[in-house]
PDB file of all heavy atoms in Angstrom:
ATOM      1  N   TYR A   1       4.563 -18.217 -33.405  1.00  0.00           N
ATOM      2  CA  TYR A   1       5.269 -17.119 -32.849  1.00  0.00           C
ATOM      3  C   TYR A   1       4.467 -16.550 -31.671  1.00  0.00           C
ATOM      4  O   TYR A   1       3.233 -16.238 -31.677  1.00  0.00           O
ATOM      5  CB  TYR A   1       5.476 -15.983 -33.799  1.00  0.00           C
ATOM      6  CG  TYR A   1       6.115 -14.759 -33.134  1.00  0.00           C
ATOM      7  CD1 TYR A   1       7.540 -14.601 -33.012  1.00  0.00           C
ATOM      8  CD2 TYR A   1       5.314 -13.702 -32.689  1.00  0.00           C
ATOM      9  CE1 TYR A   1       8.079 -13.537 -32.423  1.00  0.00           C
ATOM     10  CE2 TYR A   1       5.835 -12.547 -32.100  1.00  0.00           C
ATOM     11  CZ  TYR A   1       7.171 -12.502 -31.956  1.00  0.00           C
ATOM     12  OH  TYR A   1       7.727 -11.397 -31.390  1.00  0.00           O
ATOM     13  N   ILE A   2       5.112 -16.417 -30.553  1.00  0.00           N
ATOM     14  CA  ILE A   2       4.477 -15.761 -29.243  1.00  0.00           C
ATOM     15  C   ILE A   2       5.476 -14.659 -28.811  1.00  0.00           C
ATOM     16  O   ILE A   2       6.685 -14.899 -28.704  1.00  0.00           O
ATOM     17  CB  ILE A   2       4.307 -16.828 -28.190  1.00  0.00           C
ATOM     18  CG1 ILE A   2       3.472 -17.947 -28.661  1.00  0.00           C
ATOM     19  CG2 ILE A   2       3.723 -16.226 -26.980  1.00  0.00           C
ATOM     20  CD1 ILE A   2       3.285 -19.178 -27.735  1.00  0.00           C
ATOM     21  N   ALA A   3       4.850 -13.523 -28.498  1.00  0.00           N
ATOM     22  CA  ALA A   3       5.674 -12.393 -27.945  1.00  0.00           C
ATOM     23  C   ALA A   3       5.426 -12.353 -26.457  1.00  0.00           C
ATOM     24  O   ALA A   3       4.267 -12.121 -26.057  1.00  0.00           O
ATOM     25  CB  ALA A   3       5.292 -11.071 -28.583  1.00  0.00           C
ATOM     26  N   ALA A   4       6.420 -12.474 -25.687  1.00  0.00           N
ATOM     27  CA  ALA A   4       6.240 -12.192 -24.221  1.00  0.00           C
ATOM     28  C   ALA A   4       6.617 -10.826 -23.895  1.00  0.00           C
ATOM     29  O   ALA A   4       7.784 -10.435 -23.985  1.00  0.00           O
ATOM     30  CB  ALA A   4       7.185 -13.136 -23.400  1.00  0.00           C
ATOM     31  N   LEU A   5       5.659  -9.965 -23.485  1.00  0.00           N
ATOM     32  CA  LEU A   5       5.743  -8.518 -23.395  1.00  0.00           C
ATOM     33  C   LEU A   5       6.018  -8.138 -21.894  1.00  0.00           C
ATOM     34  O   LEU A   5       5.572  -8.869 -20.996  1.00  0.00           O
ATOM     35  CB  LEU A   5       4.636  -7.797 -23.998  1.00  0.00           C
ATOM     36  CG  LEU A   5       4.363  -8.107 -25.420  1.00  0.00           C
ATOM     37  CD1 LEU A   5       3.018  -7.395 -25.846  1.00  0.00           C
ATOM     38  CD2 LEU A   5       5.420  -7.559 -26.333  1.00  0.00           C
ATOM     39  N   PRO A   6       6.587  -6.896 -21.669  1.00  0.00           N
ATOM     40  CA  PRO A   6       6.629  -6.469 -20.262  1.00  0.00           C
ATOM     41  C   PRO A   6       5.303  -6.281 -19.753  1.00  0.00           C
ATOM     42  O   PRO A   6       4.262  -6.050 -20.547  1.00  0.00           O
ATOM     43  CB  PRO A   6       7.428  -5.115 -20.428  1.00  0.00           C
ATOM     44  CG  PRO A   6       8.165  -5.171 -21.755  1.00  0.00           C
ATOM     45  CD  PRO A   6       7.285  -6.094 -22.641  1.00  0.00           C
ATOM     46  N   PRO A   7       5.103  -6.194 -18.464  1.00  0.00           N
ATOM     47  CA  PRO A   7       3.710  -6.049 -17.930  1.00  0.00           C
ATOM     48  C   PRO A   7       3.240  -4.589 -17.927  1.00  0.00           C
ATOM     49  O   PRO A   7       3.169  -3.896 -16.882  1.00  0.00           O
ATOM     50  CB  PRO A   7       3.935  -6.500 -16.435  1.00  0.00           C
ATOM     51  CG  PRO A   7       5.378  -6.342 -16.148  1.00  0.00           C
ATOM     52  CD  PRO A   7       6.094  -6.599 -17.416  1.00  0.00           C
ATOM     53  N   SER A   8       3.061  -4.149 -19.095  1.00  0.00           N
ATOM     54  CA  SER A   8       2.761  -2.737 -19.385  1.00  0.00           C
ATOM     55  C   SER A   8       1.626  -2.578 -20.313  1.00  0.00           C
ATOM     56  O   SER A   8       1.785  -3.162 -21.531  1.00  0.00           O
ATOM     57  CB  SER A   8       3.928  -1.867 -19.877  1.00  0.00           C
ATOM     58  OG  SER A   8       3.636  -0.734 -20.471  1.00  0.00           O
ATOM     59  N   ALA A   9       0.528  -1.952 -20.062  1.00  0.00           N
ATOM     60  CA  ALA A   9      -0.600  -1.819 -21.035  1.00  0.00           C
ATOM     61  C   ALA A   9      -0.063  -1.006 -22.275  1.00  0.00           C
ATOM     62  O   ALA A   9      -0.484  -1.330 -23.442  1.00  0.00           O
ATOM     63  CB  ALA A   9      -1.775  -1.064 -20.422  1.00  0.00           C
ATOM     64  N   GLN A  10       0.815  -0.075 -22.071  1.00  0.00           N
ATOM     65  CA  GLN A  10       1.434   0.789 -23.197  1.00  0.00           C
ATOM     66  C   GLN A  10       2.222  -0.175 -24.119  1.00  0.00           C
ATOM     67  O   GLN A  10       2.040  -0.089 -25.362  1.00  0.00           O
ATOM     68  CB  GLN A  10       2.287   1.831 -22.655  1.00  0.00           C
ATOM     69  CG  GLN A  10       2.822   2.743 -23.803  1.00  0.00           C
ATOM     70  CD  GLN A  10       3.661   3.904 -23.210  1.00  0.00           C
ATOM     71  OE1 GLN A  10       3.748   4.089 -22.002  1.00  0.00           O
ATOM     72  NE2 GLN A  10       4.199   4.651 -24.129  1.00  0.00           N
ATOM     73  N   ALA A  11       3.034  -1.044 -23.530  1.00  0.00           N
ATOM     74  CA  ALA A  11       3.844  -2.006 -24.380  1.00  0.00           C
ATOM     75  C   ALA A  11       2.959  -2.907 -25.135  1.00  0.00           C
ATOM     76  O   ALA A  11       3.173  -3.188 -26.324  1.00  0.00           O
ATOM     77  CB  ALA A  11       4.824  -2.759 -23.471  1.00  0.00           C
ATOM     78  N   ALA A  12       1.913  -3.410 -24.531  1.00  0.00           N
ATOM     79  CA  ALA A  12       1.000  -4.280 -25.185  1.00  0.00           C
ATOM     80  C   ALA A  12       0.233  -3.593 -26.312  1.00  0.00           C
ATOM     81  O   ALA A  12       0.180  -4.201 -27.422  1.00  0.00           O
ATOM     82  CB  ALA A  12      -0.030  -4.927 -24.215  1.00  0.00           C
ATOM     83  N   ALA A  13      -0.134  -2.346 -26.107  1.00  0.00           N
ATOM     84  CA  ALA A  13      -0.903  -1.744 -27.147  1.00  0.00           C
ATOM     85  C   ALA A  13      -0.043  -1.349 -28.349  1.00  0.00           C
ATOM     86  O   ALA A  13      -0.380  -1.432 -29.458  1.00  0.00           O
ATOM     87  CB  ALA A  13      -1.497  -0.393 -26.562  1.00  0.00           C
ATOM     88  N   SER A  14       1.218  -0.944 -28.052  1.00  0.00           N
ATOM     89  CA  SER A  14       2.194  -0.558 -29.023  1.00  0.00           C
ATOM     90  C   SER A  14       2.515  -1.768 -29.952  1.00  0.00           C
ATOM     91  O   SER A  14       2.475  -1.758 -31.123  1.00  0.00           O
ATOM     92  CB  SER A  14       3.451   0.029 -28.465  1.00  0.00           C
ATOM     93  OG  SER A  14       4.444   0.287 -29.445  1.00  0.00           O
ATOM     94  N   PHE A  15       2.735  -2.873 -29.307  1.00  0.00           N
ATOM     95  CA  PHE A  15       3.092  -4.088 -30.074  1.00  0.00           C
ATOM     96  C   PHE A  15       1.895  -4.564 -30.741  1.00  0.00           C
ATOM     97  O   PHE A  15       2.002  -5.004 -32.011  1.00  0.00           O
ATOM     98  CB  PHE A  15       3.544  -5.201 -29.047  1.00  0.00           C
ATOM     99  CG  PHE A  15       3.953  -6.470 -29.732  1.00  0.00           C
ATOM    100  CD1 PHE A  15       5.258  -6.529 -30.137  1.00  0.00           C
ATOM    101  CD2 PHE A  15       3.126  -7.525 -29.932  1.00  0.00           C
ATOM    102  CE1 PHE A  15       5.745  -7.704 -30.800  1.00  0.00           C
ATOM    103  CE2 PHE A  15       3.656  -8.629 -30.612  1.00  0.00           C
ATOM    104  CZ  PHE A  15       4.959  -8.720 -31.025  1.00  0.00           C
ATOM    105  N   ARG A  16       0.636  -4.471 -30.296  1.00  0.00           N
ATOM    106  CA  ARG A  16      -0.550  -4.965 -31.002  1.00  0.00           C
ATOM    107  C   ARG A  16      -0.766  -4.096 -32.246  1.00  0.00           C
ATOM    108  O   ARG A  16      -1.159  -4.529 -33.237  1.00  0.00           O
ATOM    109  CB  ARG A  16      -1.825  -4.826 -30.098  1.00  0.00           C
ATOM    110  CG  ARG A  16      -3.034  -5.530 -30.704  1.00  0.00           C
ATOM    111  CD  ARG A  16      -4.181  -5.470 -29.652  1.00  0.00           C
ATOM    112  NE  ARG A  16      -3.865  -6.206 -28.461  1.00  0.00           N
ATOM    113  CZ  ARG A  16      -3.670  -5.605 -27.302  1.00  0.00           C
ATOM    114  NH1 ARG A  16      -3.711  -4.266 -27.207  1.00  0.00           N
ATOM    115  NH2 ARG A  16      -3.422  -6.258 -26.211  1.00  0.00           N
ATOM    116  N   ASN A  17      -0.354  -2.746 -32.127  1.00  0.00           N
ATOM    117  CA  ASN A  17      -0.525  -1.876 -33.247  1.00  0.00           C
ATOM    118  C   ASN A  17       0.354  -2.294 -34.516  1.00  0.00           C
ATOM    119  O   ASN A  17       0.040  -2.200 -35.620  1.00  0.00           O
ATOM    120  CB  ASN A  17      -0.243  -0.413 -32.870  1.00  0.00           C
ATOM    121  CG  ASN A  17      -1.379   0.226 -32.054  1.00  0.00           C
ATOM    122  OD1 ASN A  17      -2.590  -0.297 -32.122  1.00  0.00           O
ATOM    123  ND2 ASN A  17      -1.083   1.219 -31.311  1.00  0.00           N
ATOM    124  N   ASN A  18       1.538  -2.663 -34.144  1.00  0.00           N
ATOM    125  CA  ASN A  18       2.477  -3.138 -35.121  1.00  0.00           C
ATOM    126  C   ASN A  18       2.362  -4.445 -35.652  1.00  0.00           C
ATOM    127  O   ASN A  18       2.627  -4.810 -36.837  1.00  0.00           O
ATOM    128  CB  ASN A  18       3.883  -2.867 -34.554  1.00  0.00           C
ATOM    129  CG  ASN A  18       4.295  -1.406 -34.307  1.00  0.00           C
ATOM    130  OD1 ASN A  18       3.866  -0.561 -35.120  1.00  0.00           O
ATOM    131  ND2 ASN A  18       5.042  -1.181 -33.219  1.00  0.00           N
ATOM    132  N   PHE A  19       1.933  -5.359 -34.741  1.00  0.00           N
ATOM    133  CA  PHE A  19       1.761  -6.811 -35.124  1.00  0.00           C
ATOM    134  C   PHE A  19       0.456  -7.333 -34.562  1.00  0.00           C
ATOM    135  O   PHE A  19       0.370  -8.056 -33.550  1.00  0.00           O
ATOM    136  CB  PHE A  19       2.941  -7.584 -34.438  1.00  0.00           C
ATOM    137  CG  PHE A  19       4.376  -7.089 -34.828  1.00  0.00           C
ATOM    138  CD1 PHE A  19       5.001  -6.258 -33.931  1.00  0.00           C
ATOM    139  CD2 PHE A  19       4.810  -7.347 -36.041  1.00  0.00           C
ATOM    140  CE1 PHE A  19       6.312  -5.809 -34.319  1.00  0.00           C
ATOM    141  CE2 PHE A  19       6.110  -6.861 -36.411  1.00  0.00           C
ATOM    142  CZ  PHE A  19       6.839  -6.116 -35.482  1.00  0.00           C
ATOM    143  N   PRO A  20      -0.713  -6.884 -35.168  1.00  0.00           N
ATOM    144  CA  PRO A  20      -1.947  -7.181 -34.629  1.00  0.00           C
ATOM    145  C   PRO A  20      -2.331  -8.739 -34.608  1.00  0.00           C
ATOM    146  O   PRO A  20      -3.169  -9.116 -33.748  1.00  0.00           O
ATOM    147  CB  PRO A  20      -2.891  -6.501 -35.634  1.00  0.00           C
ATOM    148  CG  PRO A  20      -2.104  -6.296 -36.949  1.00  0.00           C
ATOM    149  CD  PRO A  20      -0.729  -6.221 -36.428  1.00  0.00           C
ATOM    150  N   ASP A  21      -1.691  -9.551 -35.371  1.00  0.00           N
ATOM    151  CA  ASP A  21      -2.015 -10.943 -35.352  1.00  0.00           C
ATOM    152  C   ASP A  21      -1.123 -11.783 -34.587  1.00  0.00           C
ATOM    153  O   ASP A  21      -1.403 -13.025 -34.358  1.00  0.00           O
ATOM    154  CB  ASP A  21      -1.952 -11.500 -36.876  1.00  0.00           C
ATOM    155  CG  ASP A  21      -2.972 -10.767 -37.766  1.00  0.00           C
ATOM    156  OD1 ASP A  21      -4.032 -10.389 -37.265  1.00  0.00           O
ATOM    157  OD2 ASP A  21      -2.614 -10.565 -38.948  1.00  0.00           O
ATOM    158  N   ALA A  22      -0.202 -11.222 -33.872  1.00  0.00           N
ATOM    159  CA  ALA A  22       0.845 -12.033 -33.067  1.00  0.00           C
ATOM    160  C   ALA A  22       0.192 -12.365 -31.690  1.00  0.00           C
ATOM    161  O   ALA A  22      -0.423 -11.491 -31.125  1.00  0.00           O
ATOM    162  CB  ALA A  22       2.008 -11.240 -32.910  1.00  0.00           C
ATOM    163  N   ARG A  23       0.359 -13.548 -31.234  1.00  0.00           N
ATOM    164  CA  ARG A  23      -0.074 -13.912 -29.961  1.00  0.00           C
ATOM    165  C   ARG A  23       0.796 -13.239 -28.836  1.00  0.00           C
ATOM    166  O   ARG A  23       2.022 -13.155 -28.999  1.00  0.00           O
ATOM    167  CB  ARG A  23      -0.085 -15.471 -29.772  1.00  0.00           C
ATOM    168  CG  ARG A  23      -0.545 -15.907 -28.434  1.00  0.00           C
ATOM    169  CD  ARG A  23      -0.537 -17.366 -28.221  1.00  0.00           C
ATOM    170  NE  ARG A  23      -0.971 -17.792 -26.992  1.00  0.00           N
ATOM    171  CZ  ARG A  23      -0.969 -18.995 -26.505  1.00  0.00           C
ATOM    172  NH1 ARG A  23      -0.618 -20.022 -27.224  1.00  0.00           N
ATOM    173  NH2 ARG A  23      -1.346 -19.283 -25.250  1.00  0.00           N
ATOM    174  N   GLN A  24       0.213 -12.741 -27.814  1.00  0.00           N
ATOM    175  CA  GLN A  24       0.893 -12.097 -26.724  1.00  0.00           C
ATOM    176  C   GLN A  24       0.804 -12.884 -25.403  1.00  0.00           C
ATOM    177  O   GLN A  24      -0.185 -13.491 -25.155  1.00  0.00           O
ATOM    178  CB  GLN A  24       0.347 -10.685 -26.505  1.00  0.00           C
ATOM    179  CG  GLN A  24       0.578  -9.794 -27.706  1.00  0.00           C
ATOM    180  CD  GLN A  24       0.107  -8.355 -27.358  1.00  0.00           C
ATOM    181  OE1 GLN A  24       0.006  -7.967 -26.165  1.00  0.00           O
ATOM    182  NE2 GLN A  24      -0.227  -7.586 -28.406  1.00  0.00           N
ATOM    183  N   THR A  25       1.864 -12.833 -24.589  1.00  0.00           N
ATOM    184  CA  THR A  25       1.900 -13.222 -23.196  1.00  0.00           C
ATOM    185  C   THR A  25       2.614 -12.132 -22.444  1.00  0.00           C
ATOM    186  O   THR A  25       3.152 -11.194 -23.000  1.00  0.00           O
ATOM    187  CB  THR A  25       2.421 -14.618 -23.026  1.00  0.00           C
ATOM    188  OG1 THR A  25       2.253 -15.074 -21.759  1.00  0.00           O
ATOM    189  CG2 THR A  25       3.892 -14.682 -23.404  1.00  0.00           C
ATOM    190  N   VAL A  26       2.715 -12.356 -21.161  1.00  0.00           N
ATOM    191  CA  VAL A  26       3.356 -11.341 -20.262  1.00  0.00           C
ATOM    192  C   VAL A  26       4.487 -11.902 -19.501  1.00  0.00           C
ATOM    193  O   VAL A  26       4.367 -13.087 -18.981  1.00  0.00           O
ATOM    194  CB  VAL A  26       2.247 -10.687 -19.303  1.00  0.00           C
ATOM    195  CG1 VAL A  26       2.969  -9.659 -18.373  1.00  0.00           C
ATOM    196  CG2 VAL A  26       1.184  -9.958 -20.165  1.00  0.00           C
ATOM    197  N   LEU A  27       5.563 -11.183 -19.324  1.00  0.00           N
ATOM    198  CA  LEU A  27       6.774 -11.645 -18.488  1.00  0.00           C
ATOM    199  C   LEU A  27       7.138 -10.385 -17.671  1.00  0.00           C
ATOM    200  O   LEU A  27       7.428  -9.359 -18.186  1.00  0.00           O
ATOM    201  CB  LEU A  27       7.860 -12.142 -19.304  1.00  0.00           C
ATOM    202  CG  LEU A  27       9.065 -12.390 -18.618  1.00  0.00           C
ATOM    203  CD1 LEU A  27       8.999 -13.758 -17.805  1.00  0.00           C
ATOM    204  CD2 LEU A  27      10.388 -12.510 -19.513  1.00  0.00           C
ATOM    205  N   GLY A  28       7.184 -10.684 -16.313  1.00  0.00           N
ATOM    206  CA  GLY A  28       7.742  -9.701 -15.432  1.00  0.00           C
ATOM    207  C   GLY A  28       6.841  -9.266 -14.295  1.00  0.00           C
ATOM    208  O   GLY A  28       5.589  -9.557 -14.415  1.00  0.00           O
ATOM    209  N   ASN A  29       7.446  -8.703 -13.309  1.00  0.00           N
ATOM    210  CA  ASN A  29       6.627  -8.154 -12.144  1.00  0.00           C
ATOM    211  C   ASN A  29       5.732  -9.257 -11.583  1.00  0.00           C
ATOM    212  O   ASN A  29       4.598  -9.057 -11.334  1.00  0.00           O
ATOM    213  CB  ASN A  29       5.835  -6.983 -12.592  1.00  0.00           C
ATOM    214  CG  ASN A  29       5.216  -6.176 -11.410  1.00  0.00           C
ATOM    215  OD1 ASN A  29       5.765  -6.246 -10.399  1.00  0.00           O
ATOM    216  ND2 ASN A  29       4.098  -5.432 -11.645  1.00  0.00           N
ATOM    217  N   GLY A  30       6.266 -10.418 -11.323  1.00  0.00           N
ATOM    218  CA  GLY A  30       5.509 -11.466 -10.640  1.00  0.00           C
ATOM    219  C   GLY A  30       4.835 -12.417 -11.656  1.00  0.00           C
ATOM    220  O   GLY A  30       4.340 -13.517 -11.249  1.00  0.00           O
ATOM    221  N   GLN A  31       4.920 -12.203 -13.001  1.00  0.00           N
ATOM    222  CA  GLN A  31       4.330 -13.052 -13.930  1.00  0.00           C
ATOM    223  C   GLN A  31       5.416 -13.658 -14.840  1.00  0.00           C
ATOM    224  O   GLN A  31       5.997 -12.915 -15.640  1.00  0.00           O
ATOM    225  CB  GLN A  31       3.386 -12.245 -14.881  1.00  0.00           C
ATOM    226  CG  GLN A  31       2.202 -11.458 -14.106  1.00  0.00           C
ATOM    227  CD  GLN A  31       1.288 -10.775 -15.038  1.00  0.00           C
ATOM    228  OE1 GLN A  31       0.558 -11.357 -15.805  1.00  0.00           O
ATOM    229  NE2 GLN A  31       1.354  -9.452 -14.915  1.00  0.00           N
ATOM    230  N   TYR A  32       5.584 -14.941 -14.656  1.00  0.00           N
ATOM    231  CA  TYR A  32       6.689 -15.654 -15.305  1.00  0.00           C
ATOM    232  C   TYR A  32       6.284 -16.851 -16.070  1.00  0.00           C
ATOM    233  O   TYR A  32       7.146 -17.523 -16.752  1.00  0.00           O
ATOM    234  CB  TYR A  32       7.786 -15.996 -14.265  1.00  0.00           C
ATOM    235  CG  TYR A  32       8.222 -14.855 -13.397  1.00  0.00           C
ATOM    236  CD1 TYR A  32       7.847 -14.698 -12.016  1.00  0.00           C
ATOM    237  CD2 TYR A  32       8.994 -13.802 -14.011  1.00  0.00           C
ATOM    238  CE1 TYR A  32       8.190 -13.578 -11.361  1.00  0.00           C
ATOM    239  CE2 TYR A  32       9.324 -12.689 -13.176  1.00  0.00           C
ATOM    240  CZ  TYR A  32       8.962 -12.623 -11.918  1.00  0.00           C
ATOM    241  OH  TYR A  32       9.323 -11.508 -11.187  1.00  0.00           O
ATOM    242  N   ASP A  33       5.001 -17.240 -15.981  1.00  0.00           N
ATOM    243  CA  ASP A  33       4.533 -18.325 -16.804  1.00  0.00           C
ATOM    244  C   ASP A  33       4.208 -17.845 -18.178  1.00  0.00           C
ATOM    245  O   ASP A  33       2.996 -17.437 -18.383  1.00  0.00           O
ATOM    246  CB  ASP A  33       3.314 -18.999 -16.078  1.00  0.00           C
ATOM    247  CG  ASP A  33       3.637 -19.560 -14.770  1.00  0.00           C
ATOM    248  OD1 ASP A  33       4.773 -20.022 -14.605  1.00  0.00           O
ATOM    249  OD2 ASP A  33       2.751 -19.566 -13.784  1.00  0.00           O
ATOM    250  N   ILE A  34       5.121 -17.861 -19.066  1.00  0.00           N
ATOM    251  CA  ILE A  34       4.974 -17.330 -20.390  1.00  0.00           C
ATOM    252  C   ILE A  34       4.280 -18.219 -21.421  1.00  0.00           C
ATOM    253  O   ILE A  34       3.818 -17.824 -22.425  1.00  0.00           O
ATOM    254  CB  ILE A  34       6.309 -16.850 -20.951  1.00  0.00           C
ATOM    255  CG1 ILE A  34       7.256 -18.062 -20.974  1.00  0.00           C
ATOM    256  CG2 ILE A  34       6.908 -15.738 -20.174  1.00  0.00           C
ATOM    257  CD1 ILE A  34       8.630 -17.703 -21.710  1.00  0.00           C
ATOM    258  N   ALA A  35       4.100 -19.470 -20.982  1.00  0.00           N
ATOM    259  CA  ALA A  35       3.403 -20.426 -21.934  1.00  0.00           C
ATOM    260  C   ALA A  35       3.011 -21.599 -21.033  1.00  0.00           C
ATOM    261  O   ALA A  35       3.601 -21.881 -19.912  1.00  0.00           O
ATOM    262  CB  ALA A  35       4.318 -20.832 -23.048  1.00  0.00           C
ATOM    263  N   LYS A  36       2.129 -22.493 -21.531  1.00  0.00           N
ATOM    264  CA  LYS A  36       1.849 -23.762 -20.912  1.00  0.00           C
ATOM    265  C   LYS A  36       3.091 -24.553 -20.843  1.00  0.00           C
ATOM    266  O   LYS A  36       3.943 -24.545 -21.713  1.00  0.00           O
ATOM    267  CB  LYS A  36       0.782 -24.547 -21.679  1.00  0.00           C
ATOM    268  CG  LYS A  36       0.329 -25.793 -20.971  1.00  0.00           C
ATOM    269  CD  LYS A  36      -0.718 -26.527 -21.844  1.00  0.00           C
ATOM    270  CE  LYS A  36      -1.102 -27.825 -21.207  1.00  0.00           C
ATOM    271  NZ  LYS A  36      -2.187 -28.537 -21.972  1.00  0.00           N
ATOM    272  N   ALA A  37       3.328 -25.200 -19.678  1.00  0.00           N
ATOM    273  CA  ALA A  37       4.539 -25.890 -19.343  1.00  0.00           C
ATOM    274  C   ALA A  37       4.846 -26.812 -20.514  1.00  0.00           C
ATOM    275  O   ALA A  37       4.037 -27.695 -20.848  1.00  0.00           O
ATOM    276  CB  ALA A  37       4.530 -26.541 -18.069  1.00  0.00           C
ATOM    277  N   GLY A  38       6.166 -26.876 -20.930  1.00  0.00           N
ATOM    278  CA  GLY A  38       6.568 -27.883 -21.899  1.00  0.00           C
ATOM    279  C   GLY A  38       6.048 -27.762 -23.315  1.00  0.00           C
ATOM    280  O   GLY A  38       5.862 -28.722 -23.973  1.00  0.00           O
ATOM    281  N   THR A  39       5.714 -26.564 -23.795  1.00  0.00           N
ATOM    282  CA  THR A  39       5.096 -26.428 -25.071  1.00  0.00           C
ATOM    283  C   THR A  39       5.909 -25.636 -26.086  1.00  0.00           C
ATOM    284  O   THR A  39       5.675 -25.624 -27.292  1.00  0.00           O
ATOM    285  CB  THR A  39       3.728 -25.643 -24.957  1.00  0.00           C
ATOM    286  OG1 THR A  39       3.912 -24.374 -24.371  1.00  0.00           O
ATOM    287  CG2 THR A  39       2.737 -26.519 -24.154  1.00  0.00           C
ATOM    288  N   ALA A  40       6.978 -24.925 -25.662  1.00  0.00           N
ATOM    289  CA  ALA A  40       7.762 -24.113 -26.556  1.00  0.00           C
ATOM    290  C   ALA A  40       9.017 -24.891 -27.002  1.00  0.00           C
ATOM    291  O   ALA A  40       9.650 -25.619 -26.282  1.00  0.00           O
ATOM    292  CB  ALA A  40       8.245 -22.802 -25.904  1.00  0.00           C
ATOM    293  N   ASP A  41       9.332 -24.751 -28.298  1.00  0.00           N
ATOM    294  CA  ASP A  41      10.604 -25.345 -28.839  1.00  0.00           C
ATOM    295  C   ASP A  41      11.776 -24.392 -28.621  1.00  0.00           C
ATOM    296  O   ASP A  41      12.895 -24.933 -28.393  1.00  0.00           O
ATOM    297  CB  ASP A  41      10.460 -25.562 -30.458  1.00  0.00           C
ATOM    298  CG  ASP A  41       9.356 -26.494 -30.651  1.00  0.00           C
ATOM    299  OD1 ASP A  41       9.533 -27.732 -30.313  1.00  0.00           O
ATOM    300  OD2 ASP A  41       8.218 -26.160 -31.259  1.00  0.00           O
ATOM    301  N   VAL A  42      11.603 -23.046 -28.685  1.00  0.00           N
ATOM    302  CA  VAL A  42      12.620 -22.118 -28.642  1.00  0.00           C
ATOM    303  C   VAL A  42      12.186 -20.908 -27.798  1.00  0.00           C
ATOM    304  O   VAL A  42      11.154 -20.431 -28.071  1.00  0.00           O
ATOM    305  CB  VAL A  42      13.209 -21.668 -30.000  1.00  0.00           C
ATOM    306  CG1 VAL A  42      14.412 -20.729 -29.828  1.00  0.00           C
ATOM    307  CG2 VAL A  42      13.547 -22.956 -30.821  1.00  0.00           C
TER     308      VAL A  42
END
């Protein structure tokens, strides 16, 4: 499971507090590479 979060430190901190073991990436505001190309199933 990977969570693509908005480009916000507050959003990242809030999500980490609730799901500390989940992997995070960023989507938005010029950042659109949410994972290594061709690696996600869904």
